[in-house]
């Protein structure tokens, strides 16, 4: 794994905060880019992979995708695709030629180069919860998102080393007008955190403003900004079989400047996709490849990733379900297809539960472990997601970070090493059949770092837990959240860069920001 230097491990106080907030609230694992050592789970055999691939190719060539963006249609017509109004059909040779141009791995470097992430290969990064309109915590219950809550989640995003990306808005701050919301949110995101950030592809002005703000925050020239990935966007298709105007507009703008685009169809089996999981995956793959082909034709070699958001609906209510067996298999199958195409993959840590309870954690754990099993490279919504994406919760954020840390520890070679020292023959001989291992030197030399140390779990017995107040998991998480808020210190930022950023925001606000019809 790519880690900080040893001197930064378990570091507290201001010195340790060169890369993150302090460790008084919890003693967390150090920043690293996890590397997944496991072979992926592959439910499909080679023929099954080809059957889904060929079905996706048939969808693209025989049915086509609706591109609701005239510029994209014009570009694809120039590329030789068959165009009929907004319907675009493309043959397998063209699609696979474009797929072959996309890189297997790329980096994204934020304003703090020590926070650079790697997307692709066996690397796995985790992204905060993104885009819920509501928040929930133990004190205030469910409520609409606001700017102060947004900033709280940004602090959590910065604080936790197991969160590598400050993705979309962790909660939508509806108390700020949409015309200038992106300006305020990105200013806070770029100053409260020093991690990779994201732009919503929801209109030309928003995308262009965010790219400029990232450039300013990093003190970059335009040439330096375009020389390597500095931020990214995620776009969703409008399943079934559509890509809309603003998402395509934003994606094309980023691709032209060499910034990554994650293409994530949102396919719910039984609603926006076939009720069968292989059919839903085939539809999802077709939608993703259509956009990928467009972007590669525009800028060959631009960094892209394919995302999966294929799950099922509750056939009794129509509500989306997440963390289900079907969700897990769809993620695993998509992983096989994405590796076949040779590009990075995105998945999610999602659930349908409404509060941070048992259901929330088993569904989220299923989602996260299916990402591990699929060799996913970027995990969206890895911490804080509730109610199918309608709620962000700080307690759930902390509870999810416990799982993320466990996954990181699971990846470490120490959990499966077989050196002579690990095999411990001499210790086994010393203890024999009648002793114990607590006191032997082999244990004494290793006990402090032998096992994963939890941040929120309570491993004491019932009586000890009861004497200490019978505190349930979400209550412990709430206390940690409140302590982090009280102690948080933002990361250092170049003063000139911050002032230039502030001036840009003020100017764009004076100009009206992004146009709206209200």
Protein backbone atom coordinates (compact mmCIF):
# COMPACT_ATOMS: atom_id res chain seq x y z
CA UNK A 1 0.00 0.00 0.00
CA UNK A 2 1.06 3.58 -0.61
CA UNK A 3 1.37 5.16 2.83
CA UNK A 4 2.63 8.26 4.57
CA UNK A 5 6.15 8.16 5.98
CA UNK A 6 6.32 6.33 9.29
CA UNK A 7 6.76 9.56 11.26
CA UNK A 8 3.18 10.54 10.36
CA UNK A 9 1.58 7.34 11.58
CA UNK A 10 -0.56 7.81 14.67
CA UNK A 11 0.67 11.41 14.84
CA UNK A 12 -1.34 13.90 16.86
CA UNK A 13 -1.38 17.66 17.31
CA UNK A 14 -0.56 20.36 14.78
CA UNK A 15 2.50 18.56 13.39
CA UNK A 16 0.43 15.54 12.49
CA UNK A 17 -2.13 17.76 10.82
CA UNK A 18 0.12 18.61 7.89
CA UNK A 19 -1.89 15.94 6.12
CA UNK A 20 -4.95 15.47 8.31
CA UNK A 21 -6.76 16.59 11.45
CA UNK A 22 -5.45 15.45 14.83
CA UNK A 23 -6.09 12.11 16.48
CA UNK A 24 -7.50 13.11 19.87
CA UNK A 25 -11.03 11.92 19.08
CA UNK A 26 -9.85 8.58 17.68
CA UNK A 27 -6.59 6.82 16.97
CA UNK A 28 -7.12 6.13 13.28
CA UNK A 29 -5.05 4.37 10.66
CA UNK A 30 -2.65 6.51 8.60
CA UNK A 31 -3.42 7.89 5.17
CA UNK A 32 -2.68 5.39 2.45
CA UNK A 33 -3.97 4.35 -0.98
CA UNK A 34 -5.17 0.78 -0.31
CA UNK A 35 -4.07 -1.99 -2.64
CA UNK A 36 -6.38 -4.99 -2.99
CA UNK A 37 -4.28 -8.19 -3.06
CA UNK A 38 -7.17 -10.59 -3.70
CA UNK A 39 -8.31 -12.26 -6.88
CA UNK A 40 -11.73 -10.89 -7.81
CA UNK A 41 -14.91 -12.92 -7.53
CA UNK A 42 -16.03 -13.94 -11.02
CA UNK A 43 -19.56 -15.38 -11.21
CA UNK A 44 -19.37 -15.36 -15.02
CA UNK A 45 -17.27 -17.77 -17.04
CA UNK A 46 -15.50 -16.56 -20.19
CA UNK A 47 -18.57 -17.32 -22.29
CA UNK A 48 -20.79 -15.38 -19.91
CA UNK A 49 -18.56 -12.31 -20.17
CA UNK A 50 -18.75 -12.53 -23.96
CA UNK A 51 -22.53 -12.97 -23.93
CA UNK A 52 -23.02 -9.77 -21.91
CA UNK A 53 -20.46 -7.94 -24.05
CA UNK A 54 -22.13 -9.02 -27.28
CA UNK A 55 -25.56 -8.04 -25.93
CA UNK A 56 -24.20 -4.58 -25.08
CA UNK A 57 -22.79 -4.33 -28.60
CA UNK A 58 -26.18 -5.32 -30.08
CA UNK A 59 -27.88 -2.64 -28.00
CA UNK A 60 -25.46 -0.03 -29.35
CA UNK A 61 -25.64 -1.15 -32.97
CA UNK A 62 -29.29 -2.24 -33.32
CA UNK A 63 -31.17 -0.06 -30.84
CA UNK A 64 -28.85 2.88 -30.19
CA UNK A 65 -28.55 5.46 -27.43
CA UNK A 66 -30.39 8.78 -27.27
CA UNK A 67 -27.83 11.60 -27.01
CA UNK A 68 -29.82 14.67 -25.94
CA UNK A 69 -26.94 17.02 -26.72
CA UNK A 70 -26.65 18.33 -30.31
CA UNK A 71 -22.89 18.86 -30.07
CA UNK A 72 -22.37 15.23 -29.00
CA UNK A 73 -24.59 14.02 -31.85
CA UNK A 74 -22.61 16.09 -34.37
CA UNK A 75 -19.32 14.70 -33.09
CA UNK A 76 -20.52 11.10 -33.25
CA UNK A 77 -21.91 11.60 -36.74
CA UNK A 78 -18.48 12.88 -37.79
CA UNK A 79 -17.00 9.73 -36.20
CA UNK A 80 -19.07 7.60 -38.57
CA UNK A 81 -21.88 6.57 -36.25
CA UNK A 82 -25.41 6.21 -37.61
CA UNK A 83 -27.51 9.18 -36.51
CA UNK A 84 -31.28 9.55 -36.66
CA UNK A 85 -32.31 12.67 -34.79
CA UNK A 86 -31.00 12.13 -31.26
CA UNK A 87 -30.60 8.38 -31.72
CA UNK A 88 -27.02 7.28 -32.25
CA UNK A 89 -25.98 3.78 -33.25
CA UNK A 90 -22.36 2.65 -33.20
CA UNK A 91 -20.78 -0.61 -34.28
CA UNK A 92 -18.52 -2.85 -32.23
CA UNK A 93 -15.35 -2.03 -34.17
CA UNK A 94 -15.72 1.69 -33.42
CA UNK A 95 -16.60 1.15 -29.77
CA UNK A 96 -13.70 -1.20 -29.12
CA UNK A 97 -11.28 1.07 -30.97
CA UNK A 98 -12.31 3.91 -28.65
CA UNK A 99 -12.14 1.66 -25.57
CA UNK A 100 -8.59 0.74 -26.56
CA UNK A 101 -7.55 4.40 -26.30
CA UNK A 102 -8.61 4.79 -22.65
CA UNK A 103 -5.88 4.42 -19.99
CA UNK A 104 -6.00 1.49 -17.57
CA UNK A 105 -4.73 3.64 -14.69
CA UNK A 106 -4.44 7.34 -13.95
CA UNK A 107 -3.72 9.65 -11.02
CA UNK A 108 -5.59 12.69 -9.74
CA UNK A 109 -3.49 15.31 -7.92
CA UNK A 110 -5.28 17.85 -5.66
CA UNK A 111 -3.82 21.07 -4.25
CA UNK A 112 -1.85 19.01 -1.71
CA UNK A 113 0.30 16.61 -3.79
CA UNK A 114 0.63 14.30 -0.76
CA UNK A 115 -3.07 13.52 -1.30
CA UNK A 116 -2.62 12.28 -4.87
CA UNK A 117 -4.74 9.23 -5.59
CA UNK A 118 -4.31 6.38 -8.05
CA UNK A 119 -7.35 5.16 -10.00
CA UNK A 120 -7.00 1.74 -11.58
CA UNK A 121 -5.16 -1.55 -11.22
CA UNK A 122 -5.49 -2.98 -7.72
CA UNK A 123 -5.79 0.43 -6.06
CA UNK A 124 -8.99 1.27 -4.18
CA UNK A 125 -10.05 4.71 -2.97
CA UNK A 126 -13.10 5.72 -0.95
CA UNK A 127 -15.31 8.77 -1.55
CA UNK A 128 -17.59 10.51 0.95
CA UNK A 129 -21.37 10.34 0.68
CA UNK A 130 -22.50 12.60 -2.14
CA UNK A 131 -25.72 14.43 -3.07
CA UNK A 132 -28.37 13.64 -0.40
CA UNK A 133 -30.91 16.46 -0.01
CA UNK A 134 -31.42 15.69 3.69
CA UNK A 135 -29.38 15.10 6.83
CA UNK A 136 -30.06 13.07 9.98
CA UNK A 137 -28.31 12.97 13.33
CA UNK A 138 -29.29 11.88 16.82
CA UNK A 139 -29.86 15.41 18.13
CA UNK A 140 -31.76 17.01 15.25
CA UNK A 141 -33.38 14.10 13.43
CA UNK A 142 -34.16 14.34 9.71
CA UNK A 143 -34.05 17.79 8.15
CA UNK A 144 -33.29 19.49 4.85
CA UNK A 145 -29.64 20.04 4.06
CA UNK A 146 -28.03 23.38 4.90
CA UNK A 147 -24.64 25.02 4.50
CA UNK A 148 -23.49 24.48 8.09
CA UNK A 149 -24.23 20.77 7.85
CA UNK A 150 -22.42 20.67 4.50
CA UNK A 151 -19.33 22.12 6.21
CA UNK A 152 -19.57 19.57 9.01
CA UNK A 153 -19.43 16.74 6.50
CA UNK A 154 -16.48 18.41 4.78
CA UNK A 155 -14.67 18.34 8.12
CA UNK A 156 -15.41 14.64 8.52
CA UNK A 157 -14.21 14.06 4.97
CA UNK A 158 -10.92 15.77 5.72
CA UNK A 159 -10.50 14.21 9.16
CA UNK A 160 -10.76 10.56 8.18
CA UNK A 161 -7.70 9.12 6.47
CA UNK A 162 -9.77 6.29 4.99
CA UNK A 163 -11.71 8.85 2.92
CA UNK A 164 -9.59 9.77 -0.08
CA UNK A 165 -11.89 12.01 -2.13
CA UNK A 166 -14.16 14.96 -1.35
CA UNK A 167 -16.73 14.01 -3.96
CA UNK A 168 -20.11 15.62 -4.49
CA UNK A 169 -21.89 17.67 -1.83
CA UNK A 170 -22.32 15.36 1.19
CA UNK A 171 -25.60 17.12 1.73
CA UNK A 172 -27.25 19.67 -0.54
CA UNK A 173 -27.25 23.12 1.16
CA UNK A 174 -30.67 24.37 0.09
CA UNK A 175 -30.24 27.59 2.10
CA UNK A 176 -27.88 28.84 -0.65
CA UNK A 177 -29.37 29.80 -4.01
CA UNK A 178 -28.49 27.31 -6.78
CA UNK A 179 -26.98 30.07 -8.92
CA UNK A 180 -24.08 30.51 -6.47
CA UNK A 181 -24.25 27.30 -4.46
CA UNK A 182 -21.37 25.70 -6.33
CA UNK A 183 -19.16 28.72 -5.61
CA UNK A 184 -19.71 28.62 -1.85
CA UNK A 185 -19.52 24.83 -1.69
CA UNK A 186 -16.32 24.53 -3.69
CA UNK A 187 -14.68 27.34 -1.74
CA UNK A 188 -15.34 25.48 1.51
CA UNK A 189 -14.39 22.14 -0.01
CA UNK A 190 -11.07 23.50 -1.29
CA UNK A 191 -10.21 25.18 2.03
CA UNK A 192 -11.61 22.73 4.61
CA UNK A 193 -10.05 19.80 2.72
CA UNK A 194 -6.90 19.27 0.69
CA UNK A 195 -8.19 16.14 -1.04
CA UNK A 196 -9.34 15.49 -4.61
CA UNK A 197 -12.60 17.30 -5.44
CA UNK A 198 -15.38 16.81 -7.97
CA UNK A 199 -17.50 19.01 -10.23
CA UNK A 200 -21.17 18.35 -10.89
CA UNK A 201 -21.88 18.35 -14.62
CA UNK A 202 -25.00 20.44 -14.21
CA UNK A 203 -24.46 23.36 -16.55
CA UNK A 204 -21.58 25.02 -18.34
CA UNK A 205 -20.95 27.72 -15.76
CA UNK A 206 -20.74 25.32 -12.83
CA UNK A 207 -18.26 23.04 -14.57
CA UNK A 208 -16.08 25.89 -15.82
CA UNK A 209 -16.14 27.62 -12.43
CA UNK A 210 -15.09 24.49 -10.56
CA UNK A 211 -12.22 23.78 -12.94
CA UNK A 212 -11.02 27.36 -12.52
CA UNK A 213 -11.34 27.19 -8.72
CA UNK A 214 -9.31 23.97 -8.60
CA UNK A 215 -6.66 25.62 -10.77
CA UNK A 216 -6.54 28.70 -8.53
CA UNK A 217 -6.47 26.70 -5.28
CA UNK A 218 -3.47 24.74 -6.55
CA UNK A 219 -1.66 27.82 -7.81
CA UNK A 220 -1.53 26.24 -11.25
CA UNK A 221 -1.09 27.73 -14.68
CA UNK A 222 -3.54 26.56 -17.34
CA UNK A 223 -0.76 24.43 -18.82
CA UNK A 224 -0.08 22.80 -15.44
CA UNK A 225 -3.79 22.18 -14.92
CA UNK A 226 -4.17 20.43 -18.25
CA UNK A 227 -0.89 18.51 -17.95
CA UNK A 228 -2.40 15.96 -15.54
CA UNK A 229 -5.71 15.18 -13.82
CA UNK A 230 -6.47 17.60 -10.99
CA UNK A 231 -10.19 16.91 -10.35
CA UNK A 232 -12.99 14.91 -11.98
CA UNK A 233 -16.70 14.64 -12.71
CA UNK A 234 -19.16 11.78 -12.48
CA UNK A 235 -21.99 11.59 -15.00
CA UNK A 236 -25.08 9.38 -14.94
CA UNK A 237 -27.03 8.15 -17.91
CA UNK A 238 -30.78 8.59 -17.90
CA UNK A 239 -31.69 4.92 -18.05
CA UNK A 240 -32.94 3.43 -20.17
CA UNK A 241 -30.79 4.35 -23.17
CA UNK A 242 -30.32 8.12 -22.75
CA UNK A 243 -27.54 10.60 -22.01
CA UNK A 244 -28.81 14.07 -21.18
CA UNK A 245 -27.59 17.51 -22.25
CA UNK A 246 -25.85 18.91 -19.13
CA UNK A 247 -24.06 15.69 -18.18
CA UNK A 248 -22.64 15.32 -21.69
CA UNK A 249 -21.73 19.00 -21.82
CA UNK A 250 -19.75 18.78 -18.58
CA UNK A 251 -18.11 15.50 -19.54
CA UNK A 252 -16.95 16.89 -22.87
CA UNK A 253 -15.55 20.03 -21.23
CA UNK A 254 -13.50 18.00 -18.76
CA UNK A 255 -12.31 15.55 -21.40
CA UNK A 256 -10.99 18.38 -23.58
CA UNK A 257 -8.87 19.62 -20.67
CA UNK A 258 -7.63 16.15 -19.76
CA UNK A 259 -9.67 15.80 -16.56
CA UNK A 260 -11.23 12.42 -15.66
CA UNK A 261 -14.85 11.48 -16.24
CA UNK A 262 -16.53 8.64 -14.36
CA UNK A 263 -19.50 7.30 -16.37
CA UNK A 264 -22.08 5.66 -14.11
CA UNK A 265 -25.40 4.42 -15.51
CA UNK A 266 -28.14 4.27 -12.84
CA UNK A 267 -29.94 1.05 -13.70
CA UNK A 268 -32.49 -0.38 -11.30
CA UNK A 269 -33.55 -3.86 -12.38
CA UNK A 270 -37.30 -4.08 -12.76
CA UNK A 271 -37.72 -0.33 -13.25
CA UNK A 272 -35.17 1.35 -15.54
CA UNK A 273 -33.54 -1.91 -16.63
CA UNK A 274 -34.57 -5.52 -17.26
CA UNK A 275 -35.61 -7.46 -14.17
CA UNK A 276 -32.82 -9.99 -14.82
CA UNK A 277 -29.41 -9.00 -13.53
CA UNK A 278 -27.41 -9.94 -16.63
CA UNK A 279 -29.86 -7.93 -18.74
CA UNK A 280 -29.54 -4.96 -16.41
CA UNK A 281 -25.74 -5.20 -16.52
CA UNK A 282 -25.75 -5.43 -20.33
CA UNK A 283 -27.89 -2.27 -20.55
CA UNK A 284 -25.61 -0.48 -18.08
CA UNK A 285 -22.48 -1.47 -20.00
CA UNK A 286 -23.98 -0.27 -23.29
CA UNK A 287 -24.87 3.13 -21.82
CA UNK A 288 -21.39 3.53 -20.29
CA UNK A 289 -19.52 2.52 -23.43
CA UNK A 290 -21.52 4.95 -25.56
CA UNK A 291 -20.33 7.92 -23.50
CA UNK A 292 -16.82 6.50 -23.23
CA UNK A 293 -16.60 6.26 -27.02
CA UNK A 294 -17.68 9.89 -27.39
CA UNK A 295 -15.07 11.16 -24.93
CA UNK A 296 -12.24 9.11 -26.42
CA UNK A 297 -13.09 10.38 -29.91
CA UNK A 298 -12.98 13.96 -28.59
CA UNK A 299 -9.65 13.52 -26.75
CA UNK A 300 -7.98 10.15 -27.32
CA UNK A 301 -6.43 8.83 -24.12
CA UNK A 302 -8.38 11.07 -21.75
CA UNK A 303 -8.90 9.38 -18.36
CA UNK A 304 -12.28 7.71 -17.90
CA UNK A 305 -13.78 5.09 -15.60
CA UNK A 306 -16.93 2.98 -15.83
CA UNK A 307 -19.22 3.00 -12.83
CA UNK A 308 -21.89 0.57 -11.76
CA UNK A 309 -25.06 1.53 -9.94
CA UNK A 310 -27.07 -1.54 -10.87
CA UNK A 311 -29.40 -2.81 -8.19
CA UNK A 312 -33.02 -3.90 -7.93
CA UNK A 313 -36.28 -2.38 -6.78
CA UNK A 314 -38.65 -3.65 -4.14
CA UNK A 315 -41.33 -5.16 -6.37
CA UNK A 316 -43.94 -4.52 -3.65
CA UNK A 317 -43.36 -0.77 -3.38
CA UNK A 318 -41.13 0.20 -6.32
CA UNK A 319 -38.55 1.63 -3.91
CA UNK A 320 -34.86 1.07 -4.74
CA UNK A 321 -33.04 -1.59 -2.74
CA UNK A 322 -29.30 -1.67 -2.12
CA UNK A 323 -26.81 -4.10 -0.63
CA UNK A 324 -28.96 -6.99 -1.86
CA UNK A 325 -27.65 -10.30 -3.25
CA UNK A 326 -28.66 -9.02 -6.70
CA UNK A 327 -26.73 -5.79 -6.16
CA UNK A 328 -23.64 -7.73 -5.16
CA UNK A 329 -23.79 -10.03 -8.20
CA UNK A 330 -24.39 -7.11 -10.55
CA UNK A 331 -21.32 -5.38 -9.13
CA UNK A 332 -19.21 -8.52 -9.50
CA UNK A 333 -20.38 -9.08 -13.08
CA UNK A 334 -19.74 -5.46 -13.98
CA UNK A 335 -16.25 -5.84 -12.56
CA UNK A 336 -15.59 -8.68 -14.97
CA UNK A 337 -16.78 -6.63 -17.93
CA UNK A 338 -14.84 -3.53 -16.90
CA UNK A 339 -11.63 -5.55 -16.55
CA UNK A 340 -12.34 -6.99 -20.00
CA UNK A 341 -12.40 -3.43 -21.36
CA UNK A 342 -9.27 -2.47 -19.43
CA UNK A 343 -10.45 0.70 -17.69
CA UNK A 344 -10.90 1.61 -13.99
CA UNK A 345 -14.17 0.86 -12.19
CA UNK A 346 -16.40 2.74 -9.76
CA UNK A 347 -18.96 1.19 -7.36
CA UNK A 348 -20.76 2.44 -4.23
CA UNK A 349 -21.26 1.83 -0.50
CA UNK A 350 -25.04 2.08 -0.38
CA UNK A 351 -28.07 0.95 1.61
CA UNK A 352 -31.82 1.52 1.79
CA UNK A 353 -32.02 1.85 5.59
CA UNK A 354 -33.41 5.07 7.06
CA UNK A 355 -31.29 5.31 10.23
CA UNK A 356 -27.84 3.98 11.21
CA UNK A 357 -29.10 0.63 12.49
CA UNK A 358 -28.33 -3.02 11.81
CA UNK A 359 -29.97 -2.97 8.39
CA UNK A 360 -27.89 0.06 7.43
CA UNK A 361 -24.66 -1.70 8.30
CA UNK A 362 -25.34 -5.11 6.78
CA UNK A 363 -26.54 -3.57 3.52
CA UNK A 364 -23.61 -1.15 3.38
CA UNK A 365 -21.15 -3.91 4.27
CA UNK A 366 -22.59 -6.05 1.47
CA UNK A 367 -22.13 -3.14 -0.93
CA UNK A 368 -18.58 -2.40 0.22
CA UNK A 369 -17.45 -6.01 0.16
CA UNK A 370 -18.94 -6.53 -3.30
CA UNK A 371 -16.74 -3.60 -4.36
CA UNK A 372 -13.73 -5.36 -2.86
CA UNK A 373 -14.70 -8.61 -4.58
CA UNK A 374 -15.05 -6.79 -7.92
CA UNK A 375 -11.66 -5.07 -7.65
CA UNK A 376 -13.39 -1.71 -7.74
CA UNK A 377 -11.02 1.25 -7.89
CA UNK A 378 -13.28 4.08 -6.67
CA UNK A 379 -16.06 3.56 -4.12
CA UNK A 380 -18.62 6.35 -4.05
CA UNK A 381 -20.84 7.00 -1.01
CA UNK A 382 -18.41 4.95 1.09
CA UNK A 383 -19.36 6.72 4.33
CA UNK A 384 -22.56 8.41 5.51
CA UNK A 385 -25.28 7.20 3.10
CA UNK A 386 -28.86 6.42 4.26
CA UNK A 387 -32.40 6.12 2.82
CA UNK A 388 -31.27 5.16 -0.66
CA UNK A 389 -29.25 8.36 -0.96
CA UNK A 390 -31.82 10.78 0.45
CA UNK A 391 -30.10 11.17 3.83
CA UNK A 392 -26.52 11.83 4.94
CA UNK A 393 -25.74 11.00 8.57
CA UNK A 394 -22.59 11.83 10.58
CA UNK A 395 -23.14 8.84 12.85
CA UNK A 396 -23.38 6.57 9.83
CA UNK A 397 -20.27 8.27 8.43
CA UNK A 398 -18.24 7.25 11.50
CA UNK A 399 -19.71 3.72 11.54
CA UNK A 400 -18.88 3.27 7.86
CA UNK A 401 -15.32 4.50 8.41
CA UNK A 402 -14.92 1.64 10.88
CA UNK A 403 -15.76 -0.79 8.06
CA UNK A 404 -13.45 1.02 5.64
CA UNK A 405 -10.58 0.78 8.09
CA UNK A 406 -11.29 -2.93 8.53
CA UNK A 407 -11.12 -3.38 4.75
CA UNK A 408 -7.81 -1.55 4.67
CA UNK A 409 -6.44 -3.76 7.43
CA UNK A 410 -7.76 -6.85 5.62
CA UNK A 411 -5.63 -5.85 2.63
CA UNK A 412 -2.43 -5.65 4.69
CA UNK A 413 0.07 -8.46 4.17
CA UNK A 414 0.38 -8.94 7.93
CA UNK A 415 -3.04 -10.62 7.92
CA UNK A 416 -1.87 -13.44 5.64
CA UNK A 417 1.97 -13.43 5.71
CA UNK A 418 3.79 -16.78 6.00
CA UNK A 419 7.37 -15.83 6.86
CA UNK A 420 9.18 -17.92 9.47
CA UNK A 421 8.44 -15.19 11.96
CA UNK A 422 4.74 -15.25 11.10
CA UNK A 423 4.53 -19.04 11.28
CA UNK A 424 5.79 -18.75 14.89
CA UNK A 425 7.11 -22.29 15.24
CA UNK A 426 9.45 -21.36 18.13
CA UNK A 427 6.60 -19.71 20.04
CA UNK A 428 4.39 -22.76 19.51
CA UNK A 429 7.23 -24.96 20.83
CA UNK A 430 7.80 -22.66 23.82
CA UNK A 431 4.16 -22.63 24.91
CA UNK A 432 3.51 -26.29 24.23
CA UNK A 433 0.19 -27.91 25.15
CA UNK A 434 -0.28 -26.41 28.62
CA UNK A 435 0.63 -22.75 28.44
CA UNK A 436 -0.71 -19.55 26.85
CA UNK A 437 0.64 -16.96 24.46
CA UNK A 438 0.02 -13.73 26.40
CA UNK A 439 3.41 -13.70 28.06
CA UNK A 440 5.75 -15.14 25.44
CA UNK A 441 8.26 -12.81 23.83
CA UNK A 442 6.78 -13.40 20.37
CA UNK A 443 3.51 -11.86 21.58
CA UNK A 444 5.15 -9.15 23.66
CA UNK A 445 7.09 -7.94 20.63
CA UNK A 446 3.95 -7.65 18.50
CA UNK A 447 0.87 -7.14 20.65
CA UNK A 448 0.53 -3.39 20.13
CA UNK A 449 0.05 -3.70 16.38
CA UNK A 450 -0.91 -7.36 16.04
CA UNK A 451 -4.59 -6.79 15.31
CA UNK A 452 -6.97 -4.17 14.00
CA UNK A 453 -7.77 -1.51 16.62
CA UNK A 454 -11.39 -0.29 16.35
CA UNK A 455 -12.49 3.34 16.48
CA UNK A 456 -16.18 2.78 17.22
CA UNK A 457 -16.70 -0.89 18.04
CA UNK A 458 -16.86 -1.97 21.70
CA UNK A 459 -15.27 -5.37 22.31
CA UNK A 460 -15.91 -5.57 26.07
CA UNK A 461 -18.33 -8.08 27.56
CA UNK A 462 -21.94 -7.20 28.34
CA UNK A 463 -21.36 -6.39 32.03
CA UNK A 464 -18.46 -4.04 31.31
CA UNK A 465 -20.46 -2.36 28.55
CA UNK A 466 -23.47 -2.03 30.89
CA UNK A 467 -21.42 -0.53 33.73
CA UNK A 468 -20.04 2.04 31.28
CA UNK A 469 -23.54 3.26 30.38
CA UNK A 470 -24.87 0.69 27.87
CA UNK A 471 -23.91 2.93 24.95
CA UNK A 472 -25.12 1.66 21.56
CA UNK A 473 -22.97 1.93 18.46
CA UNK A 474 -24.69 4.94 16.91
CA UNK A 475 -24.40 6.76 20.25
CA UNK A 476 -20.65 6.13 20.35
CA UNK A 477 -20.44 7.35 16.77
CA UNK A 478 -22.37 10.49 17.71
CA UNK A 479 -19.88 11.26 20.49
CA UNK A 480 -16.95 10.82 18.12
CA UNK A 481 -18.61 13.09 15.57
CA UNK A 482 -19.15 15.85 18.15
CA UNK A 483 -15.56 15.58 19.38
CA UNK A 484 -14.19 15.82 15.83
CA UNK A 485 -16.25 18.96 15.24
CA UNK A 486 -14.89 20.51 18.43
CA UNK A 487 -11.26 19.73 17.64
CA UNK A 488 -11.10 20.16 13.87
CA UNK A 489 -8.39 22.32 12.33
CA UNK A 490 -8.38 22.90 8.58
CA UNK A 491 -5.33 21.91 6.55
CA UNK A 492 -2.78 24.53 5.64
CA UNK A 493 -3.32 26.48 2.43
CA UNK A 494 -1.15 28.98 0.59
CA UNK A 495 -2.47 32.40 1.60
CA UNK A 496 -2.15 33.90 -1.87
CA UNK A 497 -4.01 30.97 -3.41
CA UNK A 498 -6.80 31.31 -0.87
CA UNK A 499 -7.12 35.05 -1.44
CA UNK A 500 -7.21 34.56 -5.21
CA UNK A 501 -9.88 31.92 -4.71
CA UNK A 502 -11.92 34.26 -2.52
CA UNK A 503 -11.71 37.02 -5.13
CA UNK A 504 -12.79 34.68 -7.91
CA UNK A 505 -15.84 33.58 -5.90
CA UNK A 506 -16.76 37.19 -5.13
CA UNK A 507 -16.45 38.20 -8.78
CA UNK A 508 -18.50 35.27 -10.06
CA UNK A 509 -21.21 35.97 -7.48
CA UNK A 510 -21.35 39.58 -8.61
CA UNK A 511 -21.76 38.32 -12.19
CA UNK A 512 -24.68 36.15 -11.09
CA UNK A 513 -23.04 32.73 -11.00
CA UNK A 514 -24.90 30.06 -12.96
CA UNK A 515 -28.17 31.10 -14.64
CA UNK A 516 -31.40 29.73 -13.19
CA UNK A 517 -35.07 30.29 -14.02
CA UNK A 518 -35.94 31.37 -10.48
